[in-house]
Amino acid sequence: MTLHPPNKHPVTKAQRIFLDLRSKILSGDLTPERHLTLRPIAETYGTGINAASEAVKALAAEGLVRLEGKAGARILARDLSRIRGDFILRLAIECETVRRVAEVADDMQLAALKRIAGHVDALFAEGDSLRECRDLDVQFHDTLASFSGVSQLREALAPLLDRLVCLDQTTNRNEEIPGQKHMEVFEAIETRDPNHAVEAMRMHLEHSMHLSLAELQFG
């Protein structure tokens, strides 16, 4: 069961649409192959097209719908075994990535990672922008991969980030599985202890995996 602690920031229109549609898709109220059209969505929720579009793009980023041009999207069937496998592959790639970064990153690279980690954590705490939170989350992990010095790690990670980085972390939290902040991963890297960095990344990703699979399985 996912608990929703009080949020000092109001939920945006796009978040409200996203969370409601997401809940209906996960519960089965909205079935696979059903088409979601932006204008009817906007009319249903009393918002503009932009808010409806941002919400649908958020659903697509979680792999719940497939975008179809500018008009809307189509709901996809969920494949939990595929999603679980993607998370396990991401875990293997990112643990090796962070191990190498702890060993080889220079001071300028560490400073860049610190800036991104601090920024993304601040945005998650504020909870005002789904898209910006997700983009910075992806940027943090992509930057880590680029600093590993192994281009194949970054290439292998890119499609997984697109599918697995969730957008509702600011409003949808599980008190039984505490979150692992990006600054905690950075601070582990900064120690230059590869094993410590790997453990921090493992905790960070396992939190996302357990929470996402629980949401997908139980709604």
N, C-alpha and C. Protein backbone atom coordinates (compact mmCIF):
# COMPACT_ATOMS: atom_id res chain seq x y z
N MET A 1 0.84 -1.19 0.00
CA MET A 1 0.00 0.00 0.00
C MET A 1 0.88 1.24 0.00
N THR A 2 0.58 2.19 -0.86
CA THR A 2 1.36 3.43 -0.92
C THR A 2 0.70 4.49 -0.08
N LEU A 3 1.47 5.10 0.80
CA LEU A 3 0.97 6.15 1.67
C LEU A 3 1.32 7.50 1.10
N HIS A 4 0.47 8.48 1.33
CA HIS A 4 0.69 9.80 0.78
C HIS A 4 0.79 10.82 1.92
N PRO A 5 2.00 11.14 2.36
CA PRO A 5 2.16 12.09 3.43
C PRO A 5 1.77 13.48 2.97
N PRO A 6 1.44 14.36 3.91
CA PRO A 6 1.07 15.71 3.54
C PRO A 6 2.17 16.36 2.71
N ASN A 7 1.77 17.12 1.69
CA ASN A 7 2.71 17.82 0.82
C ASN A 7 2.46 19.31 0.95
N LYS A 8 3.47 20.05 1.29
CA LYS A 8 3.29 21.47 1.51
C LYS A 8 3.07 22.23 0.21
N HIS A 9 3.35 21.59 -0.93
CA HIS A 9 3.16 22.22 -2.22
C HIS A 9 1.93 21.64 -2.89
N PRO A 10 1.07 22.48 -3.47
CA PRO A 10 -0.12 21.97 -4.13
C PRO A 10 0.23 21.14 -5.35
N VAL A 11 -0.61 20.14 -5.62
CA VAL A 11 -0.41 19.31 -6.80
C VAL A 11 -0.80 20.12 -8.04
N THR A 12 0.04 20.10 -9.06
CA THR A 12 -0.25 20.85 -10.27
C THR A 12 -1.37 20.16 -11.05
N LYS A 13 -1.93 20.88 -12.03
CA LYS A 13 -2.99 20.31 -12.85
C LYS A 13 -2.48 19.08 -13.59
N ALA A 14 -1.26 19.18 -14.14
CA ALA A 14 -0.70 18.04 -14.87
C ALA A 14 -0.51 16.84 -13.94
N GLN A 15 -0.02 17.09 -12.71
CA GLN A 15 0.16 16.01 -11.75
C GLN A 15 -1.18 15.35 -11.41
N ARG A 16 -2.19 16.19 -11.22
CA ARG A 16 -3.51 15.66 -10.85
C ARG A 16 -4.04 14.74 -11.94
N ILE A 17 -3.92 15.16 -13.19
CA ILE A 17 -4.37 14.32 -14.31
C ILE A 17 -3.54 13.04 -14.38
N PHE A 18 -2.20 13.21 -14.31
CA PHE A 18 -1.29 12.07 -14.38
C PHE A 18 -1.61 11.02 -13.32
N LEU A 19 -1.73 11.45 -12.07
CA LEU A 19 -1.94 10.52 -10.97
C LEU A 19 -3.30 9.82 -11.09
N ASP A 20 -4.31 10.56 -11.53
CA ASP A 20 -5.64 9.95 -11.66
C ASP A 20 -5.67 8.94 -12.81
N LEU A 21 -5.12 9.33 -13.97
CA LEU A 21 -5.08 8.39 -15.10
C LEU A 21 -4.21 7.19 -14.78
N ARG A 22 -3.09 7.44 -14.13
CA ARG A 22 -2.18 6.36 -13.75
C ARG A 22 -2.89 5.35 -12.85
N SER A 23 -3.62 5.85 -11.87
CA SER A 23 -4.35 4.98 -10.96
C SER A 23 -5.39 4.16 -11.72
N LYS A 24 -6.08 4.76 -12.67
CA LYS A 24 -7.10 4.05 -13.42
C LYS A 24 -6.50 3.00 -14.35
N ILE A 25 -5.31 3.30 -14.90
CA ILE A 25 -4.64 2.32 -15.75
C ILE A 25 -4.17 1.13 -14.92
N LEU A 26 -3.56 1.42 -13.77
CA LEU A 26 -3.03 0.35 -12.93
C LEU A 26 -4.14 -0.51 -12.32
N SER A 27 -5.28 0.09 -12.07
CA SER A 27 -6.39 -0.66 -11.48
C SER A 27 -7.16 -1.45 -12.53
N GLY A 28 -6.93 -1.14 -13.81
CA GLY A 28 -7.65 -1.82 -14.87
C GLY A 28 -8.92 -1.11 -15.31
N ASP A 29 -9.24 0.03 -14.68
CA ASP A 29 -10.43 0.79 -15.10
C ASP A 29 -10.26 1.30 -16.52
N LEU A 30 -9.03 1.63 -16.90
CA LEU A 30 -8.71 1.98 -18.28
C LEU A 30 -7.91 0.81 -18.86
N THR A 31 -8.42 0.16 -19.86
CA THR A 31 -7.87 -1.11 -20.34
C THR A 31 -6.85 -0.91 -21.47
N PRO A 32 -5.95 -1.90 -21.67
CA PRO A 32 -4.97 -1.83 -22.75
C PRO A 32 -5.63 -1.61 -24.11
N GLU A 33 -4.95 -0.84 -24.95
CA GLU A 33 -5.36 -0.48 -26.31
C GLU A 33 -6.39 0.65 -26.34
N ARG A 34 -6.88 1.08 -25.20
CA ARG A 34 -7.80 2.22 -25.21
C ARG A 34 -7.03 3.48 -25.59
N HIS A 35 -7.66 4.32 -26.39
CA HIS A 35 -7.00 5.54 -26.85
C HIS A 35 -7.32 6.70 -25.91
N LEU A 36 -6.30 7.46 -25.55
CA LEU A 36 -6.46 8.66 -24.73
C LEU A 36 -6.22 9.86 -25.63
N THR A 37 -7.24 10.71 -25.77
CA THR A 37 -7.15 11.88 -26.63
C THR A 37 -7.05 13.14 -25.78
N LEU A 38 -6.15 14.04 -26.15
CA LEU A 38 -5.83 15.18 -25.29
C LEU A 38 -7.02 16.10 -25.03
N ARG A 39 -7.76 16.46 -26.06
CA ARG A 39 -8.84 17.43 -25.84
C ARG A 39 -9.91 16.90 -24.89
N PRO A 40 -10.40 15.66 -25.06
CA PRO A 40 -11.37 15.13 -24.08
C PRO A 40 -10.78 15.05 -22.66
N ILE A 41 -9.49 14.71 -22.56
CA ILE A 41 -8.86 14.67 -21.22
C ILE A 41 -8.89 16.05 -20.59
N ALA A 42 -8.50 17.06 -21.36
CA ALA A 42 -8.49 18.43 -20.85
C ALA A 42 -9.89 18.86 -20.42
N GLU A 43 -10.90 18.51 -21.21
CA GLU A 43 -12.27 18.88 -20.87
C GLU A 43 -12.76 18.16 -19.62
N THR A 44 -12.39 16.88 -19.51
CA THR A 44 -12.80 16.10 -18.33
C THR A 44 -12.25 16.68 -17.04
N TYR A 45 -10.99 17.11 -17.07
CA TYR A 45 -10.34 17.61 -15.85
C TYR A 45 -10.39 19.12 -15.73
N GLY A 46 -11.00 19.79 -16.70
CA GLY A 46 -11.14 21.24 -16.62
C GLY A 46 -9.82 21.98 -16.73
N THR A 47 -8.94 21.49 -17.61
CA THR A 47 -7.63 22.12 -17.76
C THR A 47 -7.39 22.43 -19.24
N GLY A 48 -6.23 23.02 -19.52
CA GLY A 48 -5.83 23.27 -20.89
C GLY A 48 -5.16 22.06 -21.50
N ILE A 49 -4.94 22.15 -22.82
CA ILE A 49 -4.30 21.06 -23.56
C ILE A 49 -2.88 20.81 -23.05
N ASN A 50 -2.16 21.87 -22.66
CA ASN A 50 -0.77 21.70 -22.22
C ASN A 50 -0.66 20.81 -20.99
N ALA A 51 -1.56 21.00 -20.03
CA ALA A 51 -1.54 20.17 -18.82
C ALA A 51 -1.87 18.73 -19.16
N ALA A 52 -2.85 18.53 -20.05
CA ALA A 52 -3.20 17.17 -20.46
C ALA A 52 -2.04 16.52 -21.20
N SER A 53 -1.36 17.29 -22.04
CA SER A 53 -0.23 16.76 -22.80
C SER A 53 0.91 16.36 -21.87
N GLU A 54 1.22 17.20 -20.86
CA GLU A 54 2.29 16.87 -19.92
C GLU A 54 1.97 15.60 -19.15
N ALA A 55 0.71 15.44 -18.75
CA ALA A 55 0.30 14.25 -18.01
C ALA A 55 0.43 12.99 -18.86
N VAL A 56 0.02 13.07 -20.12
CA VAL A 56 0.11 11.90 -21.01
C VAL A 56 1.57 11.56 -21.29
N LYS A 57 2.41 12.56 -21.46
CA LYS A 57 3.84 12.30 -21.66
C LYS A 57 4.44 11.64 -20.42
N ALA A 58 3.95 12.02 -19.24
CA ALA A 58 4.42 11.40 -18.01
C ALA A 58 4.03 9.93 -17.97
N LEU A 59 2.82 9.62 -18.42
CA LEU A 59 2.39 8.22 -18.49
C LEU A 59 3.25 7.44 -19.49
N ALA A 60 3.60 8.08 -20.59
CA ALA A 60 4.45 7.42 -21.60
C ALA A 60 5.83 7.14 -21.04
N ALA A 61 6.36 8.08 -20.24
CA ALA A 61 7.69 7.91 -19.66
C ALA A 61 7.73 6.72 -18.71
N GLU A 62 6.61 6.39 -18.09
CA GLU A 62 6.54 5.22 -17.21
C GLU A 62 6.20 3.94 -17.96
N GLY A 63 6.02 4.05 -19.28
CA GLY A 63 5.73 2.86 -20.07
C GLY A 63 4.29 2.40 -19.99
N LEU A 64 3.39 3.28 -19.54
CA LEU A 64 1.99 2.89 -19.41
C LEU A 64 1.18 3.17 -20.67
N VAL A 65 1.66 4.11 -21.50
CA VAL A 65 0.99 4.41 -22.76
C VAL A 65 2.03 4.59 -23.85
N ARG A 66 1.57 4.52 -25.09
CA ARG A 66 2.42 4.80 -26.25
C ARG A 66 1.88 6.05 -26.93
N LEU A 67 2.74 7.07 -27.06
CA LEU A 67 2.32 8.31 -27.69
C LEU A 67 2.00 8.07 -29.16
N GLU A 68 0.92 8.73 -29.61
CA GLU A 68 0.50 8.59 -31.01
C GLU A 68 0.27 9.99 -31.59
N GLY A 69 1.34 10.56 -32.12
CA GLY A 69 1.24 11.90 -32.69
C GLY A 69 0.94 12.94 -31.64
N LYS A 70 0.31 14.03 -32.07
CA LYS A 70 0.00 15.13 -31.17
C LYS A 70 -1.36 14.98 -30.50
N ALA A 71 -2.15 14.02 -30.94
CA ALA A 71 -3.52 13.92 -30.46
C ALA A 71 -3.65 13.23 -29.12
N GLY A 72 -2.72 12.30 -28.80
CA GLY A 72 -2.87 11.57 -27.56
C GLY A 72 -1.99 10.34 -27.50
N ALA A 73 -2.54 9.26 -26.92
CA ALA A 73 -1.73 8.05 -26.71
C ALA A 73 -2.65 6.84 -26.60
N ARG A 74 -2.01 5.64 -26.64
CA ARG A 74 -2.76 4.41 -26.49
C ARG A 74 -2.20 3.64 -25.28
N ILE A 75 -3.10 3.10 -24.45
CA ILE A 75 -2.70 2.40 -23.24
C ILE A 75 -2.05 1.07 -23.61
N LEU A 76 -0.93 0.78 -22.96
CA LEU A 76 -0.18 -0.45 -23.22
C LEU A 76 -0.49 -1.50 -22.17
N ALA A 77 -0.38 -2.76 -22.57
CA ALA A 77 -0.46 -3.86 -21.60
C ALA A 77 0.82 -3.87 -20.76
N ARG A 78 0.70 -4.19 -19.49
CA ARG A 78 1.86 -4.19 -18.60
C ARG A 78 2.52 -5.56 -18.58
N ASP A 79 3.83 -5.57 -18.65
CA ASP A 79 4.60 -6.81 -18.60
C ASP A 79 5.55 -6.71 -17.41
N LEU A 80 5.10 -7.22 -16.26
CA LEU A 80 5.88 -7.06 -15.03
C LEU A 80 7.24 -7.75 -15.11
N SER A 81 7.29 -8.91 -15.78
CA SER A 81 8.57 -9.61 -15.86
C SER A 81 9.57 -8.80 -16.68
N ARG A 82 9.10 -8.14 -17.73
CA ARG A 82 9.98 -7.29 -18.54
C ARG A 82 10.47 -6.09 -17.72
N ILE A 83 9.56 -5.47 -16.99
CA ILE A 83 9.93 -4.31 -16.19
C ILE A 83 10.92 -4.71 -15.10
N ARG A 84 10.68 -5.85 -14.44
CA ARG A 84 11.60 -6.33 -13.41
C ARG A 84 12.98 -6.61 -14.03
N GLY A 85 12.99 -7.23 -15.19
CA GLY A 85 14.26 -7.50 -15.86
C GLY A 85 15.01 -6.24 -16.23
N ASP A 86 14.29 -5.22 -16.68
CA ASP A 86 14.91 -3.94 -17.01
C ASP A 86 15.56 -3.32 -15.77
N PHE A 87 14.87 -3.39 -14.64
CA PHE A 87 15.43 -2.84 -13.40
C PHE A 87 16.70 -3.58 -13.00
N ILE A 88 16.69 -4.90 -13.11
CA ILE A 88 17.86 -5.69 -12.73
C ILE A 88 19.04 -5.35 -13.63
N LEU A 89 18.78 -5.18 -14.92
CA LEU A 89 19.84 -4.80 -15.85
C LEU A 89 20.36 -3.40 -15.52
N ARG A 90 19.45 -2.48 -15.22
CA ARG A 90 19.88 -1.13 -14.85
C ARG A 90 20.74 -1.16 -13.59
N LEU A 91 20.35 -1.98 -12.63
CA LEU A 91 21.10 -2.09 -11.38
C LEU A 91 22.54 -2.55 -11.66
N ALA A 92 22.69 -3.54 -12.51
CA ALA A 92 24.03 -4.05 -12.83
C ALA A 92 24.87 -2.98 -13.52
N ILE A 93 24.27 -2.27 -14.47
CA ILE A 93 25.00 -1.24 -15.22
C ILE A 93 25.41 -0.09 -14.30
N GLU A 94 24.47 0.38 -13.49
CA GLU A 94 24.76 1.57 -12.68
C GLU A 94 25.69 1.28 -11.51
N CYS A 95 25.65 0.08 -11.00
CA CYS A 95 26.60 -0.25 -9.93
C CYS A 95 28.03 -0.29 -10.47
N GLU A 96 28.21 -0.83 -11.67
CA GLU A 96 29.54 -0.81 -12.28
C GLU A 96 29.94 0.61 -12.66
N THR A 97 28.97 1.39 -13.12
CA THR A 97 29.24 2.80 -13.47
C THR A 97 29.74 3.58 -12.27
N VAL A 98 29.01 3.46 -11.14
CA VAL A 98 29.36 4.27 -9.97
C VAL A 98 30.68 3.79 -9.35
N ARG A 99 30.97 2.51 -9.48
CA ARG A 99 32.26 2.00 -9.00
C ARG A 99 33.40 2.70 -9.75
N ARG A 100 33.27 2.77 -11.07
CA ARG A 100 34.32 3.39 -11.88
C ARG A 100 34.43 4.89 -11.63
N VAL A 101 33.28 5.54 -11.48
CA VAL A 101 33.29 6.99 -11.23
C VAL A 101 33.99 7.29 -9.91
N ALA A 102 33.74 6.50 -8.87
CA ALA A 102 34.40 6.71 -7.59
C ALA A 102 35.92 6.60 -7.72
N GLU A 103 36.37 5.81 -8.67
CA GLU A 103 37.81 5.59 -8.86
C GLU A 103 38.46 6.64 -9.75
N VAL A 104 37.72 7.14 -10.76
CA VAL A 104 38.39 7.94 -11.79
C VAL A 104 37.92 9.39 -11.91
N ALA A 105 36.81 9.77 -11.30
CA ALA A 105 36.28 11.13 -11.49
C ALA A 105 37.26 12.17 -10.96
N ASP A 106 37.42 13.27 -11.70
CA ASP A 106 38.28 14.36 -11.23
C ASP A 106 37.44 15.37 -10.46
N ASP A 107 38.10 16.41 -9.94
CA ASP A 107 37.41 17.37 -9.09
C ASP A 107 36.30 18.12 -9.84
N MET A 108 36.54 18.46 -11.10
CA MET A 108 35.52 19.17 -11.87
C MET A 108 34.30 18.28 -12.10
N GLN A 109 34.52 17.01 -12.35
CA GLN A 109 33.40 16.10 -12.54
C GLN A 109 32.62 15.91 -11.25
N LEU A 110 33.32 15.81 -10.13
CA LEU A 110 32.62 15.70 -8.85
C LEU A 110 31.79 16.94 -8.57
N ALA A 111 32.33 18.11 -8.89
CA ALA A 111 31.59 19.35 -8.68
C ALA A 111 30.32 19.37 -9.54
N ALA A 112 30.42 18.90 -10.77
CA ALA A 112 29.26 18.86 -11.66
C ALA A 112 28.20 17.89 -11.11
N LEU A 113 28.63 16.73 -10.64
CA LEU A 113 27.69 15.76 -10.07
C LEU A 113 27.00 16.32 -8.83
N LYS A 114 27.76 17.03 -8.01
CA LYS A 114 27.18 17.61 -6.80
C LYS A 114 26.10 18.63 -7.14
N ARG A 115 26.36 19.47 -8.16
CA ARG A 115 25.37 20.47 -8.57
C ARG A 115 24.08 19.80 -9.04
N ILE A 116 24.22 18.79 -9.88
CA ILE A 116 23.03 18.12 -10.40
C ILE A 116 22.27 17.41 -9.29
N ALA A 117 22.99 16.70 -8.43
CA ALA A 117 22.35 15.96 -7.34
C ALA A 117 21.59 16.90 -6.41
N GLY A 118 22.20 18.01 -6.06
CA GLY A 118 21.54 18.97 -5.19
C GLY A 118 20.30 19.57 -5.83
N HIS A 119 20.41 19.86 -7.12
CA HIS A 119 19.28 20.46 -7.84
C HIS A 119 18.11 19.50 -7.95
N VAL A 120 18.39 18.25 -8.32
CA VAL A 120 17.30 17.30 -8.50
C VAL A 120 16.62 16.99 -7.17
N ASP A 121 17.39 16.89 -6.08
CA ASP A 121 16.77 16.65 -4.77
C ASP A 121 15.90 17.82 -4.35
N ALA A 122 16.36 19.05 -4.65
CA ALA A 122 15.58 20.24 -4.30
C ALA A 122 14.26 20.26 -5.07
N LEU A 123 14.31 19.91 -6.35
CA LEU A 123 13.08 19.90 -7.15
C LEU A 123 12.12 18.82 -6.69
N PHE A 124 12.64 17.64 -6.34
CA PHE A 124 11.77 16.59 -5.82
C PHE A 124 11.09 17.05 -4.53
N ALA A 125 11.85 17.77 -3.68
CA ALA A 125 11.27 18.26 -2.43
C ALA A 125 10.18 19.30 -2.68
N GLU A 126 10.39 20.13 -3.70
CA GLU A 126 9.40 21.17 -4.02
C GLU A 126 8.15 20.57 -4.65
N GLY A 127 8.35 19.61 -5.53
CA GLY A 127 7.22 18.91 -6.13
C GLY A 127 6.40 19.70 -7.12
N ASP A 128 7.00 20.68 -7.80
CA ASP A 128 6.22 21.55 -8.67
C ASP A 128 6.24 21.17 -10.14
N SER A 129 7.20 20.40 -10.60
CA SER A 129 7.32 20.14 -12.03
C SER A 129 7.69 18.68 -12.30
N LEU A 130 6.73 17.93 -12.83
CA LEU A 130 6.99 16.53 -13.19
C LEU A 130 8.12 16.42 -14.19
N ARG A 131 8.02 17.18 -15.26
CA ARG A 131 8.96 17.05 -16.36
C ARG A 131 10.37 17.43 -15.95
N GLU A 132 10.53 18.56 -15.24
CA GLU A 132 11.87 19.00 -14.87
C GLU A 132 12.51 18.04 -13.87
N CYS A 133 11.71 17.50 -12.94
CA CYS A 133 12.24 16.51 -11.99
C CYS A 133 12.78 15.30 -12.74
N ARG A 134 11.98 14.80 -13.67
CA ARG A 134 12.40 13.61 -14.40
C ARG A 134 13.63 13.88 -15.24
N ASP A 135 13.65 15.02 -15.93
CA ASP A 135 14.78 15.33 -16.80
C ASP A 135 16.08 15.44 -16.01
N LEU A 136 16.02 16.04 -14.83
CA LEU A 136 17.23 16.17 -14.01
C LEU A 136 17.65 14.83 -13.41
N ASP A 137 16.67 14.00 -13.07
CA ASP A 137 16.97 12.66 -12.57
C ASP A 137 17.73 11.88 -13.65
N VAL A 138 17.20 11.90 -14.87
CA VAL A 138 17.86 11.23 -15.99
C VAL A 138 19.25 11.82 -16.21
N GLN A 139 19.36 13.15 -16.13
CA GLN A 139 20.65 13.80 -16.35
C GLN A 139 21.69 13.35 -15.34
N PHE A 140 21.30 13.20 -14.08
CA PHE A 140 22.24 12.76 -13.05
C PHE A 140 22.82 11.38 -13.38
N HIS A 141 21.95 10.45 -13.72
CA HIS A 141 22.41 9.09 -13.99
C HIS A 141 23.17 9.01 -15.32
N ASP A 142 22.73 9.78 -16.30
CA ASP A 142 23.44 9.80 -17.58
C ASP A 142 24.83 10.42 -17.42
N THR A 143 24.93 11.47 -16.60
CA THR A 143 26.23 12.11 -16.37
C THR A 143 27.18 11.16 -15.66
N LEU A 144 26.67 10.42 -14.69
CA LEU A 144 27.49 9.41 -14.03
C LEU A 144 28.06 8.43 -15.05
N ALA A 145 27.20 7.96 -15.94
CA ALA A 145 27.65 6.99 -16.94
C ALA A 145 28.71 7.60 -17.85
N SER A 146 28.53 8.87 -18.21
CA SER A 146 29.51 9.50 -19.09
C SER A 146 30.85 9.69 -18.39
N PHE A 147 30.83 9.89 -17.07
CA PHE A 147 32.08 10.08 -16.31
C PHE A 147 32.77 8.75 -15.99
N SER A 148 32.11 7.63 -16.29
CA SER A 148 32.74 6.33 -16.02
C SER A 148 33.91 6.07 -16.96
N GLY A 149 33.89 6.74 -18.12
CA GLY A 149 34.95 6.52 -19.10
C GLY A 149 34.71 5.32 -20.00
N VAL A 150 33.54 4.67 -19.84
CA VAL A 150 33.20 3.50 -20.66
C VAL A 150 31.93 3.84 -21.44
N SER A 151 32.07 4.13 -22.71
CA SER A 151 30.94 4.60 -23.51
C SER A 151 29.83 3.56 -23.61
N GLN A 152 30.21 2.28 -23.59
CA GLN A 152 29.19 1.22 -23.71
C GLN A 152 28.23 1.21 -22.52
N LEU A 153 28.72 1.60 -21.33
CA LEU A 153 27.84 1.67 -20.18
C LEU A 153 26.77 2.73 -20.39
N ARG A 154 27.18 3.88 -20.89
CA ARG A 154 26.21 4.95 -21.14
C ARG A 154 25.21 4.56 -22.22
N GLU A 155 25.69 3.93 -23.28
CA GLU A 155 24.81 3.52 -24.38
C GLU A 155 23.79 2.48 -23.91
N ALA A 156 24.23 1.56 -23.07
CA ALA A 156 23.32 0.52 -22.58
C ALA A 156 22.30 1.09 -21.59
N LEU A 157 22.71 2.12 -20.85
CA LEU A 157 21.84 2.68 -19.82
C LEU A 157 20.75 3.58 -20.38
N ALA A 158 21.04 4.30 -21.46
CA ALA A 158 20.12 5.33 -21.97
C ALA A 158 18.69 4.84 -22.17
N PRO A 159 18.45 3.73 -22.87
CA PRO A 159 17.05 3.31 -23.06
C PRO A 159 16.38 2.87 -21.77
N LEU A 160 17.15 2.37 -20.82
CA LEU A 160 16.57 1.96 -19.54
C LEU A 160 16.11 3.17 -18.74
N LEU A 161 16.90 4.25 -18.78
CA LEU A 161 16.50 5.47 -18.09
C LEU A 161 15.19 6.00 -18.64
N ASP A 162 15.05 5.97 -19.96
CA ASP A 162 13.82 6.46 -20.58
C ASP A 162 12.60 5.69 -20.10
N ARG A 163 12.77 4.39 -19.86
CA ARG A 163 11.63 3.56 -19.47
C ARG A 163 11.37 3.53 -17.97
N LEU A 164 12.42 3.69 -17.17
CA LEU A 164 12.30 3.37 -15.74
C LEU A 164 12.29 4.55 -14.79
N VAL A 165 12.75 5.72 -15.22
CA VAL A 165 12.75 6.86 -14.30
C VAL A 165 11.32 7.35 -14.13
N CYS A 166 10.81 7.25 -12.92
CA CYS A 166 9.41 7.59 -12.65
C CYS A 166 9.23 9.08 -12.44
N LEU A 167 7.98 9.53 -12.63
CA LEU A 167 7.70 10.96 -12.58
C LEU A 167 6.92 11.38 -11.34
N ASP A 168 6.42 10.46 -10.57
CA ASP A 168 5.53 10.85 -9.47
C ASP A 168 6.23 10.75 -8.12
N GLN A 169 7.53 10.84 -8.08
CA GLN A 169 8.25 10.66 -6.82
C GLN A 169 7.98 11.79 -5.83
N THR A 170 7.52 12.95 -6.32
CA THR A 170 7.28 14.07 -5.42
C THR A 170 5.98 13.93 -4.66
N THR A 171 5.02 13.17 -5.21
CA THR A 171 3.72 13.08 -4.54
C THR A 171 3.34 11.67 -4.16
N ASN A 172 4.08 10.68 -4.65
CA ASN A 172 3.72 9.28 -4.42
C ASN A 172 4.87 8.58 -3.72
N ARG A 173 4.80 8.47 -2.40
CA ARG A 173 5.91 7.93 -1.63
C ARG A 173 5.43 6.81 -0.72
N ASN A 174 6.32 5.89 -0.44
CA ASN A 174 6.00 4.76 0.40
C ASN A 174 6.81 4.88 1.69
N GLU A 175 6.13 5.06 2.82
CA GLU A 175 6.85 5.26 4.09
C GLU A 175 7.59 3.99 4.52
N GLU A 176 7.16 2.83 4.00
CA GLU A 176 7.82 1.58 4.38
C GLU A 176 9.13 1.37 3.61
N ILE A 177 9.31 2.09 2.50
CA ILE A 177 10.53 1.98 1.71
C ILE A 177 11.13 3.38 1.58
N PRO A 178 11.94 3.81 2.54
CA PRO A 178 12.44 5.18 2.51
C PRO A 178 13.27 5.46 1.27
N GLY A 179 13.12 6.67 0.74
CA GLY A 179 13.84 7.05 -0.47
C GLY A 179 15.31 7.29 -0.22
N GLN A 180 16.08 7.14 -1.27
CA GLN A 180 17.52 7.38 -1.22
C GLN A 180 17.80 8.59 -2.09
N LYS A 181 18.25 9.67 -1.50
CA LYS A 181 18.43 10.91 -2.24
C LYS A 181 19.68 10.85 -3.12
N HIS A 182 19.66 11.67 -4.16
CA HIS A 182 20.79 11.71 -5.08
C HIS A 182 22.05 12.23 -4.40
N MET A 183 21.88 13.16 -3.44
CA MET A 183 23.06 13.67 -2.72
C MET A 183 23.71 12.56 -1.90
N GLU A 184 22.95 11.60 -1.43
CA GLU A 184 23.53 10.49 -0.68
C GLU A 184 24.38 9.62 -1.60
N VAL A 185 23.95 9.45 -2.83
CA VAL A 185 24.77 8.72 -3.80
C VAL A 185 26.04 9.50 -4.09
N PHE A 186 25.90 10.82 -4.30
CA PHE A 186 27.09 11.64 -4.57
C PHE A 186 28.07 11.59 -3.41
N GLU A 187 27.57 11.72 -2.19
CA GLU A 187 28.47 11.73 -1.03
C GLU A 187 29.22 10.41 -0.90
N ALA A 188 28.57 9.31 -1.30
CA ALA A 188 29.27 8.02 -1.28
C ALA A 188 30.37 7.99 -2.34
N ILE A 189 30.10 8.55 -3.51
CA ILE A 189 31.12 8.64 -4.56
C ILE A 189 32.28 9.50 -4.09
N GLU A 190 31.98 10.58 -3.40
CA GLU A 190 33.00 11.53 -2.96
C GLU A 190 33.99 10.92 -1.99
N THR A 191 33.60 9.83 -1.31
CA THR A 191 34.53 9.18 -0.38
C THR A 191 35.65 8.46 -1.13
N ARG A 192 35.45 8.24 -2.43
CA ARG A 192 36.41 7.51 -3.27
C ARG A 192 36.50 6.04 -2.90
N ASP A 193 35.53 5.56 -2.14
CA ASP A 193 35.47 4.14 -1.80
C ASP A 193 34.50 3.47 -2.76
N PRO A 194 34.98 2.70 -3.73
CA PRO A 194 34.09 2.10 -4.74
C PRO A 194 32.98 1.24 -4.13
N ASN A 195 33.30 0.49 -3.09
CA ASN A 195 32.29 -0.38 -2.48
C ASN A 195 31.19 0.43 -1.81
N HIS A 196 31.57 1.52 -1.17
CA HIS A 196 30.58 2.40 -0.53
C HIS A 196 29.68 3.03 -1.59
N ALA A 197 30.28 3.45 -2.71
CA ALA A 197 29.51 4.05 -3.80
C ALA A 197 28.53 3.05 -4.39
N VAL A 198 28.98 1.82 -4.58
CA VAL A 198 28.12 0.78 -5.13
C VAL A 198 26.93 0.52 -4.20
N GLU A 199 27.18 0.45 -2.91
CA GLU A 199 26.10 0.18 -1.96
C GLU A 199 25.07 1.30 -1.96
N ALA A 200 25.55 2.56 -2.05
CA ALA A 200 24.62 3.69 -2.09
C ALA A 200 23.76 3.64 -3.34
N MET A 201 24.38 3.33 -4.48
CA MET A 201 23.62 3.24 -5.72
C MET A 201 22.64 2.08 -5.67
N ARG A 202 23.06 0.96 -5.10
CA ARG A 202 22.17 -0.19 -4.99
C ARG A 202 20.91 0.18 -4.18
N MET A 203 21.10 0.85 -3.06
CA MET A 203 19.96 1.26 -2.24
C MET A 203 19.06 2.22 -3.01
N HIS A 204 19.67 3.14 -3.73
CA HIS A 204 18.94 4.14 -4.50
C HIS A 204 18.05 3.48 -5.55
N LEU A 205 18.61 2.52 -6.28
CA LEU A 205 17.87 1.88 -7.36
C LEU A 205 16.89 0.83 -6.86
N GLU A 206 17.26 0.12 -5.79
CA GLU A 206 16.33 -0.88 -5.27
C GLU A 206 15.07 -0.22 -4.71
N HIS A 207 15.22 0.97 -4.15
CA HIS A 207 14.04 1.71 -3.70
C HIS A 207 13.11 1.97 -4.88
N SER A 208 13.66 2.48 -5.98
CA SER A 208 12.84 2.76 -7.16
C SER A 208 12.21 1.49 -7.70
N MET A 209 12.98 0.41 -7.74
CA MET A 209 12.47 -0.85 -8.27
C MET A 209 11.32 -1.39 -7.43
N HIS A 210 11.51 -1.46 -6.11
CA HIS A 210 10.47 -2.02 -5.25
C HIS A 210 9.21 -1.17 -5.29
N LEU A 211 9.37 0.14 -5.28
CA LEU A 211 8.21 1.02 -5.29
C LEU A 211 7.46 0.92 -6.61
N SER A 212 8.19 0.95 -7.72
CA SER A 212 7.54 0.90 -9.03
C SER A 212 6.85 -0.43 -9.25
N LEU A 213 7.49 -1.53 -8.90
CA LEU A 213 6.86 -2.84 -9.10
C LEU A 213 5.64 -3.02 -8.20
N ALA A 214 5.72 -2.49 -6.98
CA ALA A 214 4.56 -2.56 -6.09
C ALA A 214 3.40 -1.78 -6.68
N GLU A 215 3.70 -0.60 -7.21
CA GLU A 215 2.63 0.22 -7.81
C GLU A 215 2.02 -0.48 -9.02
N LEU A 216 2.89 -1.07 -9.87
CA LEU A 216 2.40 -1.71 -11.07
C LEU A 216 1.59 -2.97 -10.76
N GLN A 217 2.03 -3.68 -9.71
CA GLN A 217 1.37 -4.94 -9.39
C GLN A 217 0.07 -4.74 -8.62
N PHE A 218 0.10 -3.79 -7.68
CA PHE A 218 -1.05 -3.65 -6.78
C PHE A 218 -1.85 -2.39 -7.01
N GLY A 219 -1.27 -1.40 -7.75
CA GLY A 219 -2.00 -0.19 -8.04
C GLY A 219 -2.10 0.74 -6.84
